[in-house]
Amino acid sequence: MSGKKQYAIISDAASSGISLHCDRRCANQNRRVHLTLELPWSADKAVQQFGRTHRSNQVCPPKYCFLISELAGEQRFASIVARRLESMGALTHGDRRTAQKHGDLSRFNFDTNYGKKSLDLVLKSILGEERNPVNFPEFYHGNFVEDMKRALYEIGIFVWKDENKSRMRTDGDITVSKFLNRLLGISIACQQGLFHYFSETLDDIMTEARANGTLEEGVMDVGNANDKLEIAGQNTFTTSDDCTLKLVKINHYKGVEWVDALNQSRRLAGKFYVDETGKLPVMLYPKGDKFVCIRPNHSVVDVSFEMSHWQTQFKLKEEPVDPSSMAQIWRECYQETANKCIHEYTNVRIFLIFPPPGLTYYFIIISLTLAGKVTN
């Protein structure tokens, strides 16, 4: 904790009783990176281990990296751990500050309503009762449908529908946990193929739900510590059980004001850039051999990329802009994007072109300066 040691290798013996987080009272307040080479065979122990680096009074939450193979058996246990952590409201998507997507255990939580819906579709598609828009895995060698029928029959998920053994059905209501447990009883090839088919189906269903605006993601943080929240109104309701419910409506203001951006640029040796339109300013500061981007219209996110990535994404001019010239551009962008989309501010519109039936829909993004040239 004093900063003399930069690395700590801990075993199961250190899963409780020690604190390794970046405590505000300690000299070493660098962000912790917690590498888990093998998840413990107990969700409660996993909670204890993660708690070594994620505790109260910390300067910032840790970054978690989990080494989990694609083998269905290991994914199965990761699902149990994720389910346990989510029930506690910890370390999954409930805390977006804790981990980025690649280290987010919530993506291993298959035991959800979407997981059950995906499993039902997978089993019915194998039985030929329903069509699944997701294709069978290309890497699987053999007759996928027949092999999966045989494997699922051997582990008791499928049973014969009649005495003639001509048709199969599922043996009652198959839960996700039961499915993942039974997967361990089939060959590795079938295990990998079936699990891949299940996970791809789950991704497809969740993508559709997200596009429709119906995706339920549980408890989530609103913005981050740099955003501003304002209570817009409150309503109190009393239920028949004498319980009181309070609905709080808030205004969520994202973005970074000019004074904060200037102070951070001086503290972090950052430089200001502007896009080709001269309307979208950014501040890039170095982090190792990469750069973190701060914008007036967006929450601060500690994600770093190469300079070329930011230049391509925002079409930035190559030369940095002097802070004295940037002040007005930054303030104007911050004020204008408080109540409107950044694309509207930068004079960009999205047009949906309706093609003849059977063809693909295309989104075309053009500048408003070209809009007058677009004919009916």
Foldseek 3Di string as FASTA:
>chain_A
DQPPDDDDDDDLVVLADAADELAPVHNDQDAAEAEDAAQDQDLVSNVSNLRNHADPRHPFAHEYAYDADLQLLRLLSLLVNLVVQVVVLDQAQLECRHYPPNRHSVLSNLQDPLNLVLVVQLQCVLQVNDDQPDDQDPVQPDDLSVVLQVLCVVLQQKDQPDPVSPGIDGPPRQGPSNVSVSLVVDDRSNSSRSVVSSSVSSVVSQVVCVVVVNDDDDNHDQADPPKDKDWPDKDWDADPVRDIDMDTDIQIFFFDALVRLVVCCVVQVWFKWAAPLRQWIWIWGDDPQWTAIGGGRHHGDPDTDHPVVVCVVRVIDPDTDDSVVCNVSRNVQNVVNRPPPSCVVSQKDWDWDDDPPPDDIDIDIDGNVCVVVDDD
